[in-house]
Amino acid sequence: MAINRKDYPNKIETGLNANNDHTIFLYRFMYEKKEYSGLIDLTDKSAWGKKDRITFSKGELVRIKNEKRDAVFNTEITLAAYMEEFWKNVPEGKYKSIRQSHYDRYVKPHIGMKKLVDLRQKHIEDALKKQEEAKLSPRTRKQTMEVLNPAMKKAIANRMIQFNPCDGIKIKLPPTKKIVVNATLTLNKIHVAIEEEFNGDPFYHSLFLFALQGRRRGEIITLRWEDINFDANYYVLRKTKNNEEQKIFLPERIKELLKQFKENEGWVFQSRRTGTHLVDIRRVTDRMKTRLGDPKFGIHYLRNVMVSAMAEQGLESIHLSGALGHNDPNTIKKYLTMNYLQSSEKASDVIDVIVEDARKKKEENQQK
C-alpha cells in the first residue's frame, strides 16, 4: 500500500514526521542519490508515552540510516562494485586518474567480479602474471599494488574483510639509475647545447635551465609567477614529490630570462594553445636529443647529470639531496632538517664554476 504523506503532518525533525496521535512515524532520507522511505509503527507500544515514542523513533531512524549505508558495503559485494565506491572518496587529481585508468584496464577485467571477501593473494598474483604475459613493464604492474593496497586497507577499516590480500606481494623493479660518466663535462656540454638551441627563446631556455638545476618536470611546468621572489632570489615549489613546500634558490641567469616574459600571476610556463600550464614537452626535448646526439637526454636524466657533476666537484651529500628536493638524504641523516634554499644555492654555485671554467678553457684554446 502506498504511503500517504498527508497522514503524517507532524514534523519531528528533518526526514521524520508523525501521524496525529504519534504512534506511526514516516521517515524519508537520501543516500547516494537514492531516496529511502518507510514507516516506524509503534501502535503496539500503548504503554509508552508520546515523548518515549518520539525518542525511540529518532533512534530507530539513525539505525535505519546506518543500515542503508552499510548495505553499500556487504559481504556479497564484488571488487568492481567496491572499487566504484572507493574511487568516490579519492581526491581528484593526476594520480587518481592514472590509477583508476590502470585499474579499469589491467585489474578489473581479471578479478573485478571476485567477491571482495573471497579475494586472495593468489588471485592478485594471477592478475599480475597476466599483465606480465601482456608485456607490461614492472613499473606498470607495480601500479596494481598502488591501487589495490590502499583500497584493501580501507576495506579492513570498514570491517568488510579481515586481512589484506596484497600483503606479501612484491614487484621488483629493475634499477633505473643512469650512470653518468664524466658528469662535469656532460653538464657543460648540455648547458652549451641549451644556450645554442634556445638562443632568443627565453621561455624554453629558462625551462631547460631549471631542469639543469635539478628540478623535476612537474615542478617546472606547475611553477607560478606568484611563487617567484625576484628581489630575494628564490621561488617556492608548491607541488613536490614528497608533498612538502620547498624554497629554492633562483640563479641570476634564469631570473634574467624569466624577466623577458614575466607576468604578475598565472603559470610561468603557460601553454600558448590551451592557456593552462604546459603538459607535453616532448617536441622540444627531441630537439635537444638531436642537437646532443644523445637519446638518453630528458628532464629526469638532467637530475642524474647534475647530481653526478656536483659529486665530482665535492659537494656534500646533504646538499646534493637538498638540491634535488629530497627530504631524506640517507638513513643516518634522516633526522636532519633539509635546507633546500641553501643546498640549491650551493649547487647553482658549482654549476656556475663548471660553466665558467669551460668557457675560460675554450677562450684560452682559441688564443693559442
Protein backbone atom coordinates (compact mmCIF):
# COMPACT_ATOMS: atom_id res chain seq x y z
CA MET A 1 0.00 0.00 0.00
CA ALA A 2 1.32 3.43 -0.93
CA ILE A 3 2.15 5.80 1.88
CA ASN A 4 0.09 8.99 2.02
CA ARG A 5 2.38 11.66 3.40
CA LYS A 6 -0.61 13.81 4.36
CA ASP A 7 -1.34 11.26 7.09
CA TYR A 8 1.88 12.37 8.84
CA PRO A 9 1.60 16.17 9.28
CA ASN A 10 3.64 16.47 12.48
CA LYS A 11 7.32 17.17 11.83
CA ILE A 12 9.61 15.65 14.45
CA GLU A 13 12.92 16.54 12.73
CA THR A 14 14.31 16.64 9.20
CA GLY A 15 13.23 13.44 7.48
CA LEU A 16 10.92 12.27 10.27
CA ASN A 17 7.16 13.01 10.64
CA ALA A 18 4.41 11.52 12.79
CA ASN A 19 0.68 10.90 12.49
CA ASN A 20 -1.71 12.85 14.68
CA ASP A 21 -1.52 10.52 17.70
CA HIS A 22 2.26 9.99 17.31
CA THR A 23 2.04 6.22 17.05
CA ILE A 24 3.30 5.84 13.46
CA PHE A 25 6.28 7.73 12.08
CA LEU A 26 7.20 8.34 8.44
CA TYR A 27 10.91 8.59 7.57
CA ARG A 28 12.42 9.89 4.34
CA PHE A 29 16.12 10.50 3.52
CA MET A 30 18.54 10.47 0.61
CA TYR A 31 21.76 8.47 0.41
CA GLU A 32 23.99 8.08 -2.65
CA LYS A 33 21.34 9.87 -4.80
CA LYS A 34 18.70 7.32 -3.80
CA GLU A 35 15.62 8.05 -1.67
CA TYR A 36 14.63 5.77 1.19
CA SER A 37 11.28 5.98 2.99
CA GLY A 38 9.20 3.84 5.29
CA LEU A 39 7.14 3.66 8.48
CA ILE A 40 8.12 3.10 12.08
CA ASP A 41 4.97 1.58 13.58
CA LEU A 42 4.68 1.94 17.36
CA THR A 43 0.93 1.29 17.67
CA ASP A 44 1.69 -1.75 19.82
CA LYS A 45 3.55 0.42 22.35
CA SER A 46 0.37 1.63 24.04
CA ALA A 47 2.09 1.78 27.43
CA TRP A 48 4.64 4.30 26.12
CA GLY A 49 4.06 7.98 26.34
CA LYS A 50 4.28 10.34 23.38
CA LYS A 51 7.77 11.52 24.39
CA ASP A 52 9.04 7.93 24.64
CA ARG A 53 7.70 7.08 21.16
CA ILE A 54 9.35 10.17 19.66
CA THR A 55 12.69 9.34 21.31
CA PHE A 56 12.54 5.75 20.08
CA SER A 57 11.63 6.79 16.51
CA LYS A 58 14.62 9.11 16.35
CA GLY A 59 16.96 6.32 17.44
CA GLU A 60 15.31 3.93 15.00
CA LEU A 61 15.86 6.40 12.15
CA VAL A 62 19.58 6.54 12.98
CA ARG A 63 19.71 2.74 12.95
CA ILE A 64 17.92 2.56 9.58
CA LYS A 65 20.27 5.14 8.03
CA ASN A 66 23.32 3.22 9.25
CA GLU A 67 21.86 0.00 7.92
CA LYS A 68 21.35 1.54 4.47
CA ARG A 69 24.89 2.90 4.44
CA ASP A 70 26.30 -0.47 5.49
CA ALA A 71 24.28 -2.10 2.75
CA VAL A 72 26.52 -0.35 0.21
CA PHE A 73 29.34 -2.43 1.65
CA ASN A 74 28.21 -6.01 2.16
CA THR A 75 29.68 -9.48 2.08
CA GLU A 76 28.27 -10.08 -1.40
CA ILE A 77 29.94 -7.05 -2.94
CA THR A 78 32.37 -7.66 -5.79
CA LEU A 79 35.75 -5.98 -6.07
CA ALA A 80 34.43 -3.98 -9.04
CA ALA A 81 31.44 -2.67 -7.07
CA TYR A 82 33.61 -1.88 -4.06
CA MET A 83 36.18 -0.02 -6.18
CA GLU A 84 33.38 2.03 -7.74
CA GLU A 85 32.56 3.33 -4.25
CA PHE A 86 36.23 3.60 -3.28
CA TRP A 87 37.06 5.99 -6.15
CA LYS A 88 34.35 8.40 -5.00
CA ASN A 89 36.37 9.18 -1.87
CA VAL A 90 39.73 9.56 -3.61
CA PRO A 91 40.62 13.24 -4.19
CA GLU A 92 40.56 14.36 -7.80
CA GLY A 93 43.95 14.74 -9.41
CA LYS A 94 46.58 13.29 -11.66
CA TYR A 95 47.27 10.19 -9.57
CA LYS A 96 43.59 9.31 -9.25
CA SER A 97 43.00 9.41 -13.00
CA ILE A 98 46.17 7.43 -13.75
CA ARG A 99 45.46 4.73 -11.17
CA GLN A 100 41.77 4.48 -11.96
CA SER A 101 42.64 4.03 -15.63
CA HIS A 102 45.19 1.34 -14.73
CA TYR A 103 42.61 -0.49 -12.58
CA ASP A 104 39.96 -0.37 -15.33
CA ARG A 105 42.37 -1.65 -18.00
CA TYR A 106 44.55 -4.18 -16.22
CA VAL A 107 42.89 -5.28 -12.96
CA LYS A 108 39.12 -5.14 -13.30
CA PRO A 109 38.94 -7.49 -16.32
CA HIS A 110 40.80 -10.22 -14.40
CA ILE A 111 39.48 -10.07 -10.82
CA GLY A 112 36.76 -7.40 -10.80
CA MET A 113 33.94 -9.92 -10.46
CA LYS A 114 35.53 -11.68 -7.49
CA LYS A 115 33.66 -11.15 -4.23
CA LEU A 116 35.68 -8.83 -2.03
CA VAL A 117 35.58 -11.24 0.91
CA ASP A 118 36.83 -14.07 -1.33
CA LEU A 119 39.76 -12.15 -2.81
CA ARG A 120 43.07 -13.86 -2.05
CA GLN A 121 46.74 -13.22 -2.70
CA LYS A 122 46.72 -15.89 -5.43
CA HIS A 123 44.05 -14.01 -7.41
CA ILE A 124 46.10 -10.83 -7.41
CA GLU A 125 49.24 -12.75 -8.35
CA ASP A 126 47.33 -14.36 -11.24
CA ALA A 127 46.28 -10.91 -12.47
CA LEU A 128 49.88 -9.71 -12.24
CA LYS A 129 51.00 -12.77 -14.18
CA LYS A 130 48.57 -11.93 -16.98
CA GLN A 131 49.93 -8.37 -17.02
CA GLU A 132 53.45 -9.75 -17.34
CA GLU A 133 52.36 -12.01 -20.21
CA ALA A 134 50.89 -8.91 -21.87
CA LYS A 135 54.44 -7.42 -21.76
CA LEU A 136 53.57 -4.69 -19.24
CA SER A 137 56.64 -3.20 -17.58
CA PRO A 138 57.40 -3.89 -13.90
CA ARG A 139 56.63 -0.24 -13.14
CA THR A 140 53.21 -0.52 -14.77
CA ARG A 141 52.48 -3.77 -12.92
CA LYS A 142 53.51 -2.13 -9.65
CA GLN A 143 50.62 0.31 -10.13
CA THR A 144 48.29 -2.62 -9.45
CA MET A 145 49.58 -2.76 -5.89
CA GLU A 146 49.47 1.03 -5.60
CA VAL A 147 45.77 0.80 -6.47
CA LEU A 148 44.72 -2.28 -4.50
CA ASN A 149 46.75 -1.89 -1.31
CA PRO A 150 45.11 1.35 -0.07
CA ALA A 151 41.72 0.09 -1.23
CA MET A 152 42.10 -3.13 0.80
CA LYS A 153 43.27 -1.18 3.87
CA LYS A 154 40.11 0.90 3.58
CA ALA A 155 38.03 -2.26 3.36
CA ILE A 156 39.66 -3.60 6.54
CA ALA A 157 38.92 -0.32 8.32
CA ASN A 158 35.26 -0.71 7.30
CA ARG A 159 35.28 -4.31 8.61
CA MET A 160 34.46 -5.68 5.18
CA ILE A 161 37.46 -8.03 5.09
CA GLN A 162 39.69 -9.38 7.83
CA PHE A 163 43.05 -9.40 6.05
CA ASN A 164 44.81 -7.62 3.23
CA PRO A 165 45.29 -9.94 0.21
CA CYS A 166 48.05 -7.60 -1.01
CA ASP A 167 50.32 -8.42 1.92
CA GLY A 168 53.46 -10.25 0.87
CA ILE A 169 53.21 -9.40 -2.84
CA LYS A 170 56.34 -7.67 -4.06
CA ILE A 171 57.18 -6.47 -7.56
CA LYS A 172 60.87 -6.00 -8.08
CA LEU A 173 61.69 -3.00 -10.21
CA PRO A 174 64.84 -3.07 -12.33
CA PRO A 175 67.49 -0.50 -11.43
CA THR A 176 66.72 2.76 -13.21
CA LYS A 177 69.68 4.82 -12.09
CA LYS A 178 71.62 6.09 -15.09
CA ILE A 179 75.37 6.16 -14.55
CA VAL A 180 76.80 9.42 -15.86
CA VAL A 181 80.47 9.20 -16.83
CA ASN A 182 82.44 12.46 -16.89
CA ALA A 183 79.40 14.26 -15.49
CA THR A 184 81.14 17.62 -15.22
CA LEU A 185 81.97 17.64 -18.93
CA THR A 186 78.49 16.33 -19.75
CA LEU A 187 76.82 19.07 -17.73
CA ASN A 188 78.77 21.77 -19.51
CA LYS A 189 78.06 20.19 -22.91
CA ILE A 190 74.33 20.18 -22.16
CA HIS A 191 74.47 23.76 -20.87
CA VAL A 192 76.09 24.94 -24.12
CA ALA A 193 73.52 22.99 -26.16
CA ILE A 194 70.64 24.61 -24.24
CA GLU A 195 72.06 28.08 -24.86
CA GLU A 196 72.56 27.39 -28.56
CA GLU A 197 69.25 25.63 -29.19
CA PHE A 198 67.11 28.22 -27.40
CA ASN A 199 69.08 31.36 -28.09
CA GLY A 200 66.49 34.14 -28.36
CA ASP A 201 63.78 31.96 -26.80
CA PRO A 202 63.77 32.79 -23.05
CA PHE A 203 60.67 30.62 -22.49
CA TYR A 204 62.26 27.24 -23.28
CA HIS A 205 65.76 28.44 -22.44
CA SER A 206 64.73 29.04 -18.82
CA LEU A 207 62.66 25.83 -18.71
CA PHE A 208 65.68 23.66 -19.54
CA LEU A 209 67.97 25.61 -17.23
CA PHE A 210 65.51 24.87 -14.41
CA ALA A 211 65.86 21.21 -15.35
CA LEU A 212 69.65 21.51 -15.31
CA GLN A 213 69.31 22.83 -11.75
CA GLY A 214 67.74 19.51 -10.77
CA ARG A 215 64.06 20.39 -10.94
CA ARG A 216 61.55 17.72 -11.85
CA ARG A 217 59.34 18.16 -14.91
CA GLY A 218 56.18 18.55 -12.80
CA GLU A 219 57.83 21.13 -10.55
CA ILE A 220 58.83 23.22 -13.56
CA ILE A 221 55.60 23.19 -15.55
CA THR A 222 53.42 23.93 -12.47
CA LEU A 223 55.52 26.88 -11.32
CA ARG A 224 53.50 30.09 -10.92
CA TRP A 225 54.63 33.70 -11.13
CA GLU A 226 53.20 34.38 -7.68
CA ASP A 227 55.69 31.88 -6.21
CA ILE A 228 58.80 33.63 -7.56
CA ASN A 229 60.51 36.27 -5.44
CA PHE A 230 62.73 38.18 -7.88
CA ASP A 231 64.04 40.51 -5.17
CA ALA A 232 65.16 37.79 -2.75
CA ASN A 233 66.26 35.36 -5.50
CA TYR A 234 64.16 32.34 -4.65
CA TYR A 235 60.99 30.56 -5.72
CA VAL A 236 58.64 28.24 -3.85
CA LEU A 237 57.68 24.81 -5.15
CA ARG A 238 54.12 24.05 -4.07
CA LYS A 239 53.77 20.64 -5.72
CA THR A 240 56.69 18.37 -4.90
CA LYS A 241 57.06 14.60 -4.87
CA ASN A 242 57.14 14.47 -1.05
CA ASN A 243 54.19 16.90 -0.72
CA GLU A 244 56.38 19.44 1.06
CA GLU A 245 56.62 23.08 0.03
CA GLN A 246 60.24 23.95 -0.73
CA LYS A 247 62.06 27.27 -1.10
CA ILE A 248 64.61 27.03 -3.93
CA PHE A 249 67.38 29.42 -4.94
CA LEU A 250 66.77 31.36 -8.17
CA PRO A 251 70.01 31.70 -10.20
CA GLU A 252 70.68 35.07 -11.79
CA ARG A 253 70.86 33.71 -15.36
CA ILE A 254 67.41 32.10 -15.04
CA LYS A 255 65.98 35.22 -13.39
CA GLU A 256 67.09 37.40 -16.29
CA LEU A 257 65.46 35.03 -18.79
CA LEU A 258 62.21 34.96 -16.82
CA LYS A 259 62.06 38.75 -16.73
CA GLN A 260 61.83 38.75 -20.53
CA PHE A 261 58.35 37.21 -20.46
CA LYS A 262 57.32 37.95 -16.86
CA GLU A 263 53.65 38.22 -15.84
CA ASN A 264 52.12 39.21 -12.50
CA GLU A 265 50.29 35.95 -11.98
CA GLY A 266 49.45 32.60 -13.55
CA TRP A 267 51.55 29.76 -14.90
CA VAL A 268 55.15 30.60 -15.73
CA PHE A 269 55.24 28.01 -18.49
CA GLN A 270 51.77 28.52 -19.87
CA SER A 271 50.68 26.69 -22.97
CA ARG A 272 50.03 29.14 -25.78
CA ARG A 273 47.40 26.80 -27.16
CA THR A 274 45.37 25.78 -24.08
CA GLY A 275 46.02 28.64 -21.66
CA THR A 276 46.90 26.23 -18.86
CA HIS A 277 50.39 25.06 -17.96
CA LEU A 278 52.47 23.02 -20.40
CA VAL A 279 51.88 19.30 -20.35
CA ASP A 280 53.69 17.79 -23.32
CA ILE A 281 57.27 18.97 -23.89
CA ARG A 282 58.42 16.02 -25.99
CA ARG A 283 58.82 18.11 -29.13
CA VAL A 284 61.36 20.50 -27.60
CA THR A 285 63.03 17.65 -25.71
CA ASP A 286 63.52 15.84 -29.02
CA ARG A 287 65.23 18.96 -30.37
CA MET A 288 67.78 18.68 -27.56
CA LYS A 289 68.25 14.97 -28.19
CA THR A 290 69.01 15.73 -31.82
CA ARG A 291 71.41 18.57 -31.04
CA LEU A 292 73.30 16.48 -28.46
CA GLY A 293 73.05 13.23 -30.38
CA ASP A 294 72.07 11.64 -27.09
CA PRO A 295 68.85 9.53 -26.98
CA LYS A 296 69.12 9.36 -23.17
CA PHE A 297 68.52 13.08 -22.82
CA GLY A 298 65.43 14.04 -20.86
CA ILE A 299 64.31 16.18 -17.94
CA HIS A 300 64.85 13.43 -15.39
CA TYR A 301 68.20 12.49 -16.93
CA LEU A 302 69.39 16.02 -16.20
CA ARG A 303 68.90 15.32 -12.49
CA ASN A 304 71.37 12.43 -12.80
CA VAL A 305 73.83 14.61 -14.68
CA MET A 306 73.51 17.48 -12.23
CA VAL A 307 73.92 15.43 -9.05
CA SER A 308 76.81 13.39 -10.54
CA ALA A 309 78.60 16.60 -11.52
CA MET A 310 78.03 18.03 -8.03
CA ALA A 311 79.53 14.90 -6.51
CA GLU A 312 82.57 15.13 -8.80
CA GLN A 313 83.05 18.69 -7.54
CA GLY A 314 82.96 17.50 -3.93
CA LEU A 315 79.60 18.90 -2.84
CA GLU A 316 78.44 17.18 0.37
CA SER A 317 75.67 14.59 0.14
CA ILE A 318 73.39 16.62 2.41
CA HIS A 319 73.46 19.44 -0.16
CA LEU A 320 73.12 17.03 -3.09
CA SER A 321 69.88 15.73 -1.58
CA GLY A 322 68.65 19.21 -0.78
CA ALA A 323 69.37 20.48 -4.28
CA LEU A 324 67.29 17.62 -5.75
CA GLY A 325 64.44 18.26 -3.30
CA HIS A 326 64.88 15.08 -1.26
CA ASN A 327 63.96 15.34 2.40
CA ASP A 328 65.72 12.08 3.39
CA PRO A 329 69.39 12.14 2.28
CA ASN A 330 70.13 8.71 3.78
CA THR A 331 69.28 6.56 6.75
CA ILE A 332 71.98 8.03 9.01
CA LYS A 333 70.99 11.62 8.32
CA LYS A 334 67.26 11.22 8.02
CA TYR A 335 66.61 13.29 11.13
CA LEU A 336 68.38 16.34 9.71
CA THR A 337 66.26 19.29 8.64
CA MET A 338 66.82 19.83 4.94
CA ASN A 339 67.72 23.36 3.87
CA TYR A 340 66.53 23.38 0.27
CA LEU A 341 67.36 27.04 -0.30
CA GLN A 342 70.98 26.72 0.88
CA SER A 343 71.53 23.43 -0.93
CA SER A 344 70.11 24.63 -4.23
CA GLU A 345 72.21 27.81 -3.99
CA LYS A 346 75.38 25.79 -3.39
CA ALA A 347 74.53 23.53 -6.33
CA SER A 348 73.93 26.58 -8.51
CA ASP A 349 77.31 28.00 -7.49
CA VAL A 350 79.02 24.75 -8.51
CA ILE A 351 77.24 24.78 -11.89
CA ASP A 352 78.46 28.35 -12.40
CA VAL A 353 82.03 27.25 -11.67
CA ILE A 354 81.80 24.35 -14.13
CA VAL A 355 80.38 26.53 -16.90
CA GLU A 356 82.83 29.38 -16.29
CA ASP A 357 85.86 27.07 -16.20
CA ALA A 358 84.79 25.55 -19.51
CA ARG A 359 84.41 28.98 -21.06
CA LYS A 360 87.86 30.06 -19.90
CA LYS A 361 89.46 26.93 -21.30
CA LYS A 362 87.70 27.47 -24.61
CA GLU A 363 88.92 31.06 -24.76
CA GLU A 364 92.50 30.00 -23.88
CA ASN A 365 92.48 27.37 -26.63
CA GLN A 366 91.22 29.91 -29.16
CA GLN A 367 94.03 32.34 -28.24
CA LYS A 368 96.74 29.73 -28.72
